């Protein structure tokens, strides 16, 4: 599996755990919309979370539809979310630093180009 796919999966796992922690009554469809993956993929990930002991299911008692669940992070799930949060933050900081360097290089290129006329000659000549 490629590094890009690994990062995308880890990002999706992080976002799902974060959303579950924020709103335990969130539906799989809502998770799908927020995370940007199919409902089937959400279902697969949630089942894996339950199997790994990261999430437990409870009936969502306020629902008229008793097939709705509340997703509750277990202590193991909280620890996993913390670990994913740390890695997510490190990745975003690295992306930010790379973007800052690219912006600086582009600004230098634009600044250098602004000092040339249309024939490529320096305006200071």
N, C-alpha and C. Protein backbone atom coordinates (compact mmCIF):
# COMPACT_ATOMS: atom_id res chain seq x y z
N UNK A 1 0.85 -1.18 0.00
CA UNK A 1 0.00 0.00 0.00
C UNK A 1 0.90 1.24 0.00
N UNK A 2 0.50 2.26 -0.72
CA UNK A 2 1.34 3.45 -0.83
C UNK A 2 1.23 4.32 0.43
N UNK A 3 2.22 5.18 0.57
CA UNK A 3 2.25 6.09 1.72
C UNK A 3 1.06 7.04 1.68
N UNK A 4 0.66 7.45 0.49
CA UNK A 4 -0.49 8.36 0.35
C UNK A 4 -1.77 7.68 0.82
N UNK A 5 -1.94 6.42 0.44
CA UNK A 5 -3.13 5.67 0.88
C UNK A 5 -3.11 5.47 2.39
N UNK A 6 -1.94 5.17 2.93
CA UNK A 6 -1.82 5.00 4.39
C UNK A 6 -2.23 6.28 5.11
N UNK A 7 -1.73 7.42 4.61
CA UNK A 7 -2.07 8.70 5.24
C UNK A 7 -3.56 8.99 5.13
N UNK A 8 -4.15 8.69 3.98
CA UNK A 8 -5.58 8.93 3.78
C UNK A 8 -6.40 8.08 4.75
N UNK A 9 -6.01 6.84 4.93
CA UNK A 9 -6.73 5.96 5.86
C UNK A 9 -6.57 6.44 7.30
N UNK A 10 -5.35 6.82 7.66
CA UNK A 10 -5.11 7.31 9.02
C UNK A 10 -5.89 8.60 9.26
N UNK A 11 -5.93 9.47 8.26
CA UNK A 11 -6.68 10.71 8.35
C UNK A 11 -8.17 10.42 8.56
N UNK A 12 -8.70 9.46 7.80
CA UNK A 12 -10.12 9.10 7.93
C UNK A 12 -10.39 8.52 9.32
N UNK A 13 -9.50 7.66 9.81
CA UNK A 13 -9.67 7.07 11.14
C UNK A 13 -9.68 8.17 12.21
N UNK A 14 -8.74 9.11 12.09
CA UNK A 14 -8.68 10.22 13.04
C UNK A 14 -9.98 11.02 13.02
N UNK A 15 -10.44 11.37 11.83
CA UNK A 15 -11.64 12.19 11.71
C UNK A 15 -12.87 11.47 12.26
N UNK A 16 -12.96 10.18 12.01
CA UNK A 16 -14.10 9.40 12.51
C UNK A 16 -14.08 9.37 14.04
N UNK A 17 -12.92 9.08 14.62
CA UNK A 17 -12.84 9.04 16.09
C UNK A 17 -13.15 10.41 16.69
N UNK A 18 -12.65 11.47 16.06
CA UNK A 18 -12.92 12.82 16.56
C UNK A 18 -14.41 13.15 16.51
N UNK A 19 -15.05 12.80 15.39
CA UNK A 19 -16.48 13.08 15.25
C UNK A 19 -17.31 12.26 16.23
N UNK A 20 -16.94 11.01 16.45
CA UNK A 20 -17.66 10.16 17.41
C UNK A 20 -17.52 10.74 18.81
N UNK A 21 -16.32 11.20 19.15
CA UNK A 21 -16.13 11.78 20.48
C UNK A 21 -16.98 13.04 20.65
N UNK A 22 -17.05 13.86 19.60
CA UNK A 22 -17.82 15.11 19.66
C UNK A 22 -19.33 14.87 19.68
N UNK A 23 -19.77 13.85 18.91
CA UNK A 23 -21.22 13.61 18.79
C UNK A 23 -21.48 12.10 18.71
N UNK A 24 -21.60 11.44 19.86
CA UNK A 24 -21.80 9.99 19.86
C UNK A 24 -23.03 9.52 19.09
N UNK A 25 -24.01 10.37 18.94
CA UNK A 25 -25.24 9.97 18.24
C UNK A 25 -25.15 10.17 16.73
N UNK A 26 -23.99 10.53 16.22
CA UNK A 26 -23.83 10.78 14.79
C UNK A 26 -24.14 9.51 13.99
N UNK A 27 -24.79 9.68 12.88
CA UNK A 27 -25.15 8.52 12.05
C UNK A 27 -23.99 8.18 11.11
N UNK A 28 -24.04 6.98 10.58
CA UNK A 28 -23.02 6.57 9.61
C UNK A 28 -23.09 7.45 8.36
N UNK A 29 -24.26 7.84 7.98
CA UNK A 29 -24.42 8.72 6.81
C UNK A 29 -23.76 10.08 7.08
N UNK A 30 -23.98 10.62 8.27
CA UNK A 30 -23.35 11.89 8.63
C UNK A 30 -21.82 11.75 8.66
N UNK A 31 -21.34 10.66 9.24
CA UNK A 31 -19.90 10.41 9.25
C UNK A 31 -19.36 10.37 7.82
N UNK A 32 -20.08 9.67 6.96
CA UNK A 32 -19.69 9.55 5.57
C UNK A 32 -19.57 10.92 4.91
N UNK A 33 -20.54 11.78 5.16
CA UNK A 33 -20.52 13.12 4.56
C UNK A 33 -19.38 13.97 5.11
N UNK A 34 -19.12 13.88 6.40
CA UNK A 34 -18.05 14.69 7.01
C UNK A 34 -16.66 14.21 6.60
N UNK A 35 -16.49 12.91 6.50
CA UNK A 35 -15.17 12.34 6.25
C UNK A 35 -14.89 12.22 4.75
N UNK A 36 -15.95 12.10 3.95
CA UNK A 36 -15.78 12.02 2.51
C UNK A 36 -15.50 10.62 1.99
N UNK A 37 -16.00 9.62 2.72
CA UNK A 37 -15.90 8.24 2.24
C UNK A 37 -17.30 7.62 2.27
N UNK A 38 -17.46 6.49 1.61
CA UNK A 38 -18.78 5.88 1.48
C UNK A 38 -19.32 5.40 2.82
N UNK A 39 -20.63 5.25 2.88
CA UNK A 39 -21.28 4.72 4.08
C UNK A 39 -20.78 3.30 4.35
N UNK A 40 -20.58 2.53 3.29
CA UNK A 40 -20.06 1.17 3.45
C UNK A 40 -18.68 1.16 4.07
N UNK A 41 -17.83 2.09 3.66
CA UNK A 41 -16.49 2.20 4.24
C UNK A 41 -16.57 2.62 5.70
N UNK A 42 -17.49 3.53 6.02
CA UNK A 42 -17.70 3.95 7.41
C UNK A 42 -18.11 2.74 8.25
N UNK A 43 -19.06 1.96 7.72
CA UNK A 43 -19.52 0.77 8.43
C UNK A 43 -18.37 -0.19 8.69
N UNK A 44 -17.53 -0.39 7.70
CA UNK A 44 -16.37 -1.29 7.81
C UNK A 44 -15.41 -0.79 8.90
N UNK A 45 -15.12 0.51 8.88
CA UNK A 45 -14.20 1.09 9.87
C UNK A 45 -14.80 1.00 11.27
N UNK A 46 -16.09 1.30 11.41
CA UNK A 46 -16.72 1.22 12.73
C UNK A 46 -16.70 -0.20 13.28
N UNK A 47 -16.96 -1.19 12.42
CA UNK A 47 -16.89 -2.59 12.87
C UNK A 47 -15.48 -2.93 13.32
N UNK A 48 -14.49 -2.45 12.60
CA UNK A 48 -13.09 -2.70 12.99
C UNK A 48 -12.79 -2.02 14.33
N UNK A 49 -13.30 -0.81 14.53
CA UNK A 49 -13.10 -0.11 15.80
C UNK A 49 -13.72 -0.90 16.95
N UNK A 50 -14.91 -1.43 16.73
CA UNK A 50 -15.58 -2.22 17.76
C UNK A 50 -14.77 -3.49 18.04
N UNK A 51 -14.34 -4.17 16.97
CA UNK A 51 -13.55 -5.40 17.13
C UNK A 51 -12.24 -5.16 17.87
N UNK A 52 -11.63 -3.98 17.66
CA UNK A 52 -10.36 -3.65 18.32
C UNK A 52 -10.58 -3.07 19.72
N UNK A 53 -11.84 -2.86 20.10
CA UNK A 53 -12.13 -2.33 21.42
C UNK A 53 -11.95 -0.82 21.54
N UNK A 54 -11.94 -0.12 20.41
CA UNK A 54 -11.79 1.34 20.42
C UNK A 54 -13.12 2.06 20.63
N UNK A 55 -14.19 1.41 20.18
CA UNK A 55 -15.54 1.99 20.23
C UNK A 55 -16.49 0.91 20.73
N UNK A 56 -17.44 1.33 21.55
CA UNK A 56 -18.51 0.40 21.90
C UNK A 56 -19.82 1.01 21.43
N UNK A 57 -20.78 0.15 21.18
CA UNK A 57 -22.08 0.59 20.69
C UNK A 57 -23.09 0.58 21.81
N UNK A 58 -23.95 1.57 21.78
CA UNK A 58 -25.08 1.62 22.69
C UNK A 58 -26.30 2.05 21.92
N UNK A 59 -27.46 1.61 22.34
CA UNK A 59 -28.68 2.08 21.68
C UNK A 59 -28.86 3.56 21.97
N UNK A 60 -29.23 4.27 20.94
CA UNK A 60 -29.46 5.70 21.08
C UNK A 60 -30.89 5.86 21.55
N UNK A 61 -31.09 6.01 22.85
CA UNK A 61 -32.42 5.95 23.45
C UNK A 61 -33.35 7.08 23.02
N UNK A 62 -32.81 8.21 22.62
CA UNK A 62 -33.66 9.32 22.21
C UNK A 62 -34.22 9.14 20.80
N UNK A 63 -33.75 8.15 20.09
CA UNK A 63 -34.16 7.95 18.71
C UNK A 63 -35.50 7.23 18.63
N UNK A 64 -36.32 7.66 17.69
CA UNK A 64 -37.57 6.93 17.41
C UNK A 64 -37.25 5.62 16.71
N UNK A 65 -36.09 5.58 16.05
CA UNK A 65 -35.65 4.39 15.33
C UNK A 65 -34.65 3.65 16.21
N UNK A 66 -35.07 2.56 16.78
CA UNK A 66 -34.23 1.86 17.75
C UNK A 66 -33.02 1.18 17.11
N UNK A 67 -32.91 1.23 15.79
CA UNK A 67 -31.73 0.66 15.15
C UNK A 67 -30.57 1.66 15.11
N UNK A 68 -30.80 2.88 15.58
CA UNK A 68 -29.72 3.88 15.67
C UNK A 68 -28.86 3.57 16.88
N UNK A 69 -27.60 3.87 16.74
CA UNK A 69 -26.66 3.60 17.82
C UNK A 69 -25.97 4.87 18.28
N UNK A 70 -25.48 4.81 19.48
CA UNK A 70 -24.56 5.82 19.99
C UNK A 70 -23.19 5.14 19.97
N UNK A 71 -22.22 5.84 19.48
CA UNK A 71 -20.85 5.32 19.42
C UNK A 71 -20.07 5.96 20.55
N UNK A 72 -19.51 5.13 21.40
CA UNK A 72 -18.81 5.63 22.57
C UNK A 72 -17.35 5.19 22.50
N UNK A 73 -16.45 6.16 22.62
CA UNK A 73 -15.03 5.82 22.63
C UNK A 73 -14.69 5.15 23.96
N UNK A 74 -14.00 4.06 23.87
CA UNK A 74 -13.51 3.38 25.07
C UNK A 74 -12.21 4.07 25.49
N UNK A 75 -11.70 3.77 26.67
CA UNK A 75 -10.39 4.33 27.05
C UNK A 75 -9.31 4.00 26.00
N UNK A 76 -9.36 2.80 25.45
CA UNK A 76 -8.43 2.42 24.39
C UNK A 76 -8.66 3.30 23.14
N UNK A 77 -9.92 3.61 22.85
CA UNK A 77 -10.25 4.48 21.72
C UNK A 77 -9.75 5.90 21.92
N UNK A 78 -9.85 6.39 23.17
CA UNK A 78 -9.35 7.73 23.49
C UNK A 78 -7.84 7.77 23.30
N UNK A 79 -7.14 6.72 23.74
CA UNK A 79 -5.69 6.65 23.57
C UNK A 79 -5.31 6.60 22.09
N UNK A 80 -6.05 5.83 21.31
CA UNK A 80 -5.80 5.74 19.87
C UNK A 80 -6.04 7.08 19.20
N UNK A 81 -7.10 7.76 19.59
CA UNK A 81 -7.39 9.09 19.03
C UNK A 81 -6.27 10.06 19.37
N UNK A 82 -5.76 10.00 20.58
CA UNK A 82 -4.65 10.87 20.98
C UNK A 82 -3.41 10.60 20.14
N UNK A 83 -3.13 9.34 19.90
CA UNK A 83 -1.98 8.97 19.08
C UNK A 83 -2.16 9.46 17.64
N UNK A 84 -3.34 9.25 17.10
CA UNK A 84 -3.64 9.72 15.74
C UNK A 84 -3.59 11.24 15.66
N UNK A 85 -4.06 11.91 16.71
CA UNK A 85 -4.03 13.37 16.75
C UNK A 85 -2.59 13.87 16.69
N UNK A 86 -1.72 13.23 17.45
CA UNK A 86 -0.30 13.61 17.46
C UNK A 86 0.30 13.45 16.07
N UNK A 87 0.07 12.31 15.42
CA UNK A 87 0.61 12.08 14.08
C UNK A 87 -0.01 13.03 13.06
N UNK A 88 -1.30 13.29 13.19
CA UNK A 88 -2.01 14.21 12.30
C UNK A 88 -1.40 15.61 12.42
N UNK A 89 -1.16 16.04 13.66
CA UNK A 89 -0.57 17.36 13.89
C UNK A 89 0.84 17.43 13.30
N UNK A 90 1.65 16.41 13.51
CA UNK A 90 3.00 16.39 12.95
C UNK A 90 2.96 16.49 11.43
N UNK A 91 2.04 15.76 10.81
CA UNK A 91 1.90 15.80 9.35
C UNK A 91 1.49 17.19 8.87
N UNK A 92 0.52 17.77 9.55
CA UNK A 92 0.04 19.10 9.14
C UNK A 92 1.11 20.17 9.33
N UNK A 93 1.91 20.07 10.40
CA UNK A 93 2.99 21.02 10.62
C UNK A 93 4.04 20.88 9.50
N UNK A 94 4.36 19.63 9.13
CA UNK A 94 5.32 19.40 8.05
C UNK A 94 4.78 19.96 6.73
N UNK A 95 3.49 19.75 6.46
CA UNK A 95 2.87 20.29 5.25
C UNK A 95 2.91 21.82 5.27
N UNK A 96 2.65 22.40 6.42
CA UNK A 96 2.67 23.85 6.59
C UNK A 96 4.07 24.40 6.31
N UNK A 97 5.09 23.76 6.88
CA UNK A 97 6.47 24.21 6.68
C UNK A 97 6.86 24.11 5.21
N UNK A 98 6.48 23.02 4.55
CA UNK A 98 6.78 22.85 3.13
C UNK A 98 6.06 23.92 2.30
N UNK A 99 4.83 24.21 2.66
CA UNK A 99 4.07 25.24 1.95
C UNK A 99 4.68 26.62 2.15
N UNK A 100 5.12 26.91 3.38
CA UNK A 100 5.79 28.19 3.65
C UNK A 100 7.04 28.35 2.79
N UNK A 101 7.83 27.27 2.67
CA UNK A 101 9.04 27.32 1.86
C UNK A 101 8.70 27.53 0.39
N UNK A 102 7.65 26.86 -0.08
CA UNK A 102 7.23 27.02 -1.47
C UNK A 102 6.74 28.45 -1.74
N UNK A 103 5.99 29.01 -0.81
CA UNK A 103 5.51 30.39 -0.95
C UNK A 103 6.69 31.35 -0.99
N UNK A 104 7.66 31.14 -0.13
CA UNK A 104 8.85 32.01 -0.10
C UNK A 104 9.59 31.94 -1.43
N UNK A 105 9.74 30.73 -1.98
CA UNK A 105 10.41 30.57 -3.27
C UNK A 105 9.63 31.25 -4.38
N UNK A 106 8.31 31.13 -4.37
CA UNK A 106 7.48 31.77 -5.39
C UNK A 106 7.53 33.29 -5.28
N UNK A 107 7.53 33.79 -4.04
CA UNK A 107 7.64 35.24 -3.85
C UNK A 107 8.97 35.75 -4.39
N UNK A 108 10.04 34.99 -4.15
CA UNK A 108 11.35 35.39 -4.67
C UNK A 108 11.35 35.37 -6.19
N UNK A 109 10.71 34.37 -6.77
CA UNK A 109 10.62 34.27 -8.22
C UNK A 109 9.84 35.44 -8.80
N UNK A 110 8.73 35.79 -8.18
CA UNK A 110 7.91 36.92 -8.65
C UNK A 110 8.68 38.22 -8.49
N UNK A 111 9.34 38.37 -7.37
CA UNK A 111 10.12 39.57 -7.12
C UNK A 111 11.25 39.69 -8.13
N UNK A 112 11.91 38.59 -8.43
CA UNK A 112 12.99 38.59 -9.41
C UNK A 112 12.43 38.92 -10.80
N UNK A 113 11.27 38.35 -11.12
CA UNK A 113 10.62 38.62 -12.41
C UNK A 113 10.16 40.05 -12.54
N UNK A 114 9.78 40.68 -11.44
CA UNK A 114 9.30 42.06 -11.46
C UNK A 114 10.45 43.02 -11.76
N UNK A 115 11.67 42.57 -11.53
CA UNK A 115 12.83 43.42 -11.80
C UNK A 115 13.35 43.27 -13.22
N UNK A 116 12.62 42.58 -14.06
CA UNK A 116 13.01 42.39 -15.47
C UNK A 116 11.93 42.98 -16.37
N UNK A 117 12.33 43.47 -17.52
CA UNK A 117 11.34 43.97 -18.49
C UNK A 117 10.88 42.81 -19.35
N UNK A 118 10.04 43.07 -20.32
CA UNK A 118 9.47 42.00 -21.15
C UNK A 118 10.49 41.33 -22.03
N UNK A 119 11.65 41.96 -22.26
CA UNK A 119 12.71 41.35 -23.09
C UNK A 119 13.66 40.50 -22.25
N UNK A 120 13.43 40.44 -20.93
CA UNK A 120 14.28 39.66 -20.06
C UNK A 120 15.47 40.43 -19.56
N UNK A 121 15.54 41.72 -19.86
CA UNK A 121 16.65 42.55 -19.40
C UNK A 121 16.33 43.13 -18.02
N UNK A 122 17.35 43.29 -17.23
CA UNK A 122 17.17 43.88 -15.91
C UNK A 122 16.75 45.32 -16.05
N UNK A 123 15.79 45.76 -15.24
CA UNK A 123 15.33 47.15 -15.29
C UNK A 123 16.39 48.10 -14.75
N UNK A 124 17.36 47.56 -14.03
CA UNK A 124 18.41 48.38 -13.46
C UNK A 124 19.55 48.63 -14.45
N UNK A 125 19.53 48.01 -15.66
CA UNK A 125 20.59 48.18 -16.66
C UNK A 125 20.50 49.51 -17.34
